[in-house]
Amino acid sequence: MVVQADSVSYVDTSKSLFETGRFLSKNGNIEIRRTPGYPIIIAATYHLFGPGDLLPTIIVQNIAFFLTVLVSAYLAYQLAGTSGMIIASLLLVLDFTTFYFVNVIHTETLFTLFITSTILFLLIGWRSPNRILMWWLIASTSFSIATIIRPSSLYLFYAAALLAVIYFTNHQRSPIAGFKMAVAIFLPWIVIIGSWQLRNYLLVGPFVLTSIEGELFHTRTVSMLAILRGVEPHVAALQLPEHLKFGSSPIAHIQFYLENFGIYIKASLLSIGRTLFSPAQEQLQDYFTNIYRDLFALETPLLTGEFGLIIEALKQRPIAYLPLILLVLLHSVLIATGVIVSAFFARSIERRSIIIYAVALLFIVYFLFIVTVFVGHPRFHVPFAPLLAILSGYGYSQLIKKFKKPSPA
């Protein structure tokens, strides 16, 4: 079990829920920065197994991961058959970062279960026209629960809901049918997310940016400045004021982006690269302490072509240092390759299963877009790791079919 810096606020708020029934931060202030879904689950384990023991929460997360694998396997089977199911399942269970966060006090694992289950419920409704409203209402409930656990999917809901209502209205050729679908989709969202937002408004007043949203521009600008000046991010943060013409307002940051648009694109691509391909050495360190006792950053010498620095650094570290990193990297490359291959066979997907591919792709694009306006990190790919595995499984299954020799007559 791992407790990181971000874990502390979840533990503090869950303790407040358990002891007082109120959602408060450690210093007793009204908590609006974190959504209550995950702390409620931790507090529930306190009621069942005793206060302060986080092991039951980790057990719950391991069960959630097992269920996620089952749901992903089923979706992969429906999309790609037996071979696709086997490949997708293997790719998912061998994803080191996903495994790592199963055993960390963080929202990723439970969030991922509900995100993946949303696609399952959408699929069932898609294949059951007479009960599509009921199943898509369940899908919306699953998605709303995911968002109250981890709010990174907040804006994804509006895009997905709008597309669903437009499609259903056009398909049924009836505005009334479209209205019914809108009610089915938005009702759980209003009840779960709307009640949370109303609570915040009544307790705090006008809507404001929390520290996370408020730091969005600052974090992205610092990452760009680090690239522009060739310095580490903490050094770039000190140099930031002299590069902003209009103080620290959003306009000042946007002006900086426009003036350095090429750097903005490069920073965005780096964020995507870190999210999809980073070997996450700090995570490996928790499991292989002796091997990764002395970490060194690979990104800068890789980007600058100074491979000699990597060789010199590896000479001073245990022999297993590089092979473990390469295994994690190879796994990431295999998944990405399978996803790319799947695009070439997208037109071969049966209509009854196309919703799996379409919604998975929409979710993946959304979560990658987030890191292009913020920063990339290996943990940010955990919520859509099952979706990457499913699409990759489909791609490889189609390659197997294409190159499989026909049996002799």
Foldseek 3Di string as FASTA:
>chain_A
DDEDPVLVQLLQQLVCCLPPVARAGNVGHHDDPAQCLLSVVQNVVCVVPNPPDCVVVLVVLVVLQVLLLVLLLVLLCQWANDQLSVQLSVLLVPQLLLVLCSRYSALLSLLLSLLSVLLVLCLVLLLVVVCVLVSNLVSLLSNLSSCSSPVLCVVVLVVVLVVVLVVQCVVVVHVVRSVSSSCSNCVSNCVRVVVSVVVCCVVPNDDDDDPVVVCLLVQLLLLLQCVVVVHDSVVSSVVPQVQFPPGPDPVSSVVSCVVPVVSLVVQLVVQLCQQQAFLPLVSVCVVVVQQSVDDDDDPVCVVVVVCVVVVVVCVVTDPCNPVSSVVSRVSSVLLVVLLVLLVVCLVVTDPSSNSLLVVLVSVVVSLSVVCSSGGHHNSSCSSSSSSSSSSSSNSVSVVCVVPPDDDDD
